[in-house]
C-alpha atoms as a PDB file:
ATOM      1  CA  MET A   1     -18.823 -15.832 -14.965  1.00  0.00           C
ATOM      2  CA  SER A   2     -19.036 -17.520 -11.585  1.00  0.00           C
ATOM      3  CA  LYS A   3     -18.194 -16.275  -8.122  1.00  0.00           C
ATOM      4  CA  LEU A   4     -16.220 -18.906  -6.224  1.00  0.00           C
ATOM      5  CA  LEU A   5     -15.062 -19.021  -2.604  1.00  0.00           C
ATOM      6  CA  LEU A   6     -12.338 -21.426  -1.516  1.00  0.00           C
ATOM      7  CA  ALA A   7     -11.571 -21.758   2.178  1.00  0.00           C
ATOM      8  CA  LEU A   8      -7.943 -22.715   2.747  1.00  0.00           C
ATOM      9  CA  ASP A   9      -6.383 -24.037   5.921  1.00  0.00           C
ATOM     10  CA  GLY A  10      -3.304 -25.798   4.573  1.00  0.00           C
ATOM     11  CA  SER A  11      -4.925 -29.241   4.810  1.00  0.00           C
ATOM     12  CA  GLU A  12      -4.685 -31.909   2.130  1.00  0.00           C
ATOM     13  CA  SER A  13      -8.410 -31.525   1.463  1.00  0.00           C
ATOM     14  CA  ALA A  14      -7.974 -27.800   0.809  1.00  0.00           C
ATOM     15  CA  LEU A  15      -5.074 -28.529  -1.555  1.00  0.00           C
ATOM     16  CA  ARG A  16      -7.183 -31.032  -3.490  1.00  0.00           C
ATOM     17  CA  ALA A  17      -9.933 -28.429  -3.790  1.00  0.00           C
ATOM     18  CA  ALA A  18      -7.392 -25.883  -5.061  1.00  0.00           C
ATOM     19  CA  SER A  19      -6.160 -28.381  -7.650  1.00  0.00           C
ATOM     20  CA  GLN A  20      -9.736 -28.967  -8.819  1.00  0.00           C
ATOM     21  CA  LEU A  21     -10.303 -25.238  -9.042  1.00  0.00           C
ATOM     22  CA  ALA A  22      -7.036 -24.760 -10.948  1.00  0.00           C
ATOM     23  CA  GLY A  23      -8.174 -27.277 -13.536  1.00  0.00           C
ATOM     24  CA  ASN A  24     -11.735 -26.033 -13.891  1.00  0.00           C
ATOM     25  CA  ALA A  25     -11.721 -22.247 -13.396  1.00  0.00           C
ATOM     26  CA  ASP A  26     -12.787 -20.091 -16.313  1.00  0.00           C
ATOM     27  CA  PRO A  27     -10.883 -16.861 -17.087  1.00  0.00           C
ATOM     28  CA  GLY A  28     -13.878 -14.699 -16.141  1.00  0.00           C
ATOM     29  CA  ASP A  29     -14.519 -16.358 -12.774  1.00  0.00           C
ATOM     30  CA  GLU A  30     -14.304 -14.205  -9.653  1.00  0.00           C
ATOM     31  CA  ILE A  31     -12.332 -16.305  -7.172  1.00  0.00           C
ATOM     32  CA  HIS A  32     -11.823 -15.525  -3.495  1.00  0.00           C
ATOM     33  CA  LEU A  33      -9.382 -17.452  -1.305  1.00  0.00           C
ATOM     34  CA  VAL A  34     -10.159 -17.219   2.407  1.00  0.00           C
ATOM     35  CA  ASN A  35      -8.200 -18.231   5.488  1.00  0.00           C
ATOM     36  CA  VAL A  36      -9.558 -17.710   9.000  1.00  0.00           C
ATOM     37  CA  GLN A  37      -7.110 -17.315  11.875  1.00  0.00           C
ATOM     38  CA  LEU A  38      -7.925 -17.869  15.531  1.00  0.00           C
ATOM     39  CA  PRO A  39      -7.745 -14.633  17.514  1.00  0.00           C
ATOM     40  CA  VAL A  40      -4.921 -13.905  19.920  1.00  0.00           C
ATOM     41  CA  ASP A  41      -6.458 -12.467  23.065  1.00  0.00           C
ATOM     42  CA  GLY A  42      -5.618 -11.582  26.602  1.00  0.00           C
ATOM     43  CA  LEU A  43      -2.114 -11.343  27.951  1.00  0.00           C
ATOM     44  CA  ALA A  44      -0.427 -12.523  24.753  1.00  0.00           C
ATOM     45  CA  ARG A  45      -2.038  -9.700  22.764  1.00  0.00           C
ATOM     46  CA  SER A  46      -1.140  -7.172  25.450  1.00  0.00           C
ATOM     47  CA  LEU A  47       2.495  -8.258  25.545  1.00  0.00           C
ATOM     48  CA  ALA A  48       2.992  -8.519  21.782  1.00  0.00           C
ATOM     49  CA  GLY A  49       1.001  -5.474  20.770  1.00  0.00           C
ATOM     50  CA  ALA A  50      -1.748  -5.099  18.199  1.00  0.00           C
ATOM     51  CA  GLN A  51       0.599  -4.525  15.241  1.00  0.00           C
ATOM     52  CA  ALA A  52       2.646  -7.652  16.017  1.00  0.00           C
ATOM     53  CA  VAL A  53      -0.507  -9.748  16.363  1.00  0.00           C
ATOM     54  CA  GLN A  54      -1.855  -8.400  13.063  1.00  0.00           C
ATOM     55  CA  HIS A  55       1.461  -9.248  11.368  1.00  0.00           C
ATOM     56  CA  PHE A  56       1.370 -12.740  12.925  1.00  0.00           C
ATOM     57  CA  HIS A  57      -2.144 -13.399  11.588  1.00  0.00           C
ATOM     58  CA  HIS A  58      -1.174 -12.159   8.141  1.00  0.00           C
ATOM     59  CA  GLU A  59       1.951 -14.332   7.964  1.00  0.00           C
ATOM     60  CA  GLU A  60       0.142 -17.421   9.287  1.00  0.00           C
ATOM     61  CA  GLY A  61      -2.666 -16.901   6.790  1.00  0.00           C
ATOM     62  CA  LEU A  62      -0.239 -16.596   3.892  1.00  0.00           C
ATOM     63  CA  ALA A  63       1.592 -19.717   5.037  1.00  0.00           C
ATOM     64  CA  ALA A  64      -1.653 -21.709   5.226  1.00  0.00           C
ATOM     65  CA  MET A  65      -2.521 -20.672   1.658  1.00  0.00           C
ATOM     66  CA  ALA A  66       0.951 -20.943   0.100  1.00  0.00           C
ATOM     67  CA  GLN A  67       0.718 -24.366  -1.526  1.00  0.00           C
ATOM     68  CA  ALA A  68      -2.782 -23.795  -2.854  1.00  0.00           C
ATOM     69  CA  ARG A  69      -1.767 -20.383  -4.218  1.00  0.00           C
ATOM     70  CA  ALA A  70       1.210 -21.966  -5.975  1.00  0.00           C
ATOM     71  CA  ARG A  71      -1.088 -24.454  -7.716  1.00  0.00           C
ATOM     72  CA  LEU A  72      -3.487 -21.714  -8.785  1.00  0.00           C
ATOM     73  CA  ASP A  73      -0.648 -19.435  -9.907  1.00  0.00           C
ATOM     74  CA  ALA A  74       0.837 -22.242 -12.024  1.00  0.00           C
ATOM     75  CA  ALA A  75      -2.539 -22.643 -13.749  1.00  0.00           C
ATOM     76  CA  GLY A  76      -2.796 -18.892 -14.357  1.00  0.00           C
ATOM     77  CA  VAL A  77      -5.847 -18.511 -12.122  1.00  0.00           C
ATOM     78  CA  VAL A  78      -6.506 -14.961 -10.890  1.00  0.00           C
ATOM     79  CA  TYR A  79      -7.858 -14.649  -7.332  1.00  0.00           C
ATOM     80  CA  GLN A  80      -8.259 -12.320  -4.390  1.00  0.00           C
ATOM     81  CA  LEU A  81      -6.873 -13.135  -0.928  1.00  0.00           C
ATOM     82  CA  HIS A  82      -8.740 -12.670   2.337  1.00  0.00           C
ATOM     83  CA  ILE A  83      -7.306 -13.393   5.780  1.00  0.00           C
ATOM     84  CA  LEU A  84      -9.882 -13.083   8.527  1.00  0.00           C
ATOM     85  CA  VAL A  85      -9.593 -13.234  12.301  1.00  0.00           C
END
């Protein structure tokens, strides 16, 4: 069993890495998908509110990982998602 970390940003390179992982992952592997969002600070955060900013980061993170997740899901790969700010 291996522990694997795949950073995803929606780029073509990240998608290629996800495809490689989909083809080579073993059923017992512990796989973590990570997306890092830039923080929203200052006036924008004050105007939108903390909950809206948190929702924005979550949605943007999911969008950046969507295609890679679809490839992994199609291959039956089990993973954990992490969206960091």
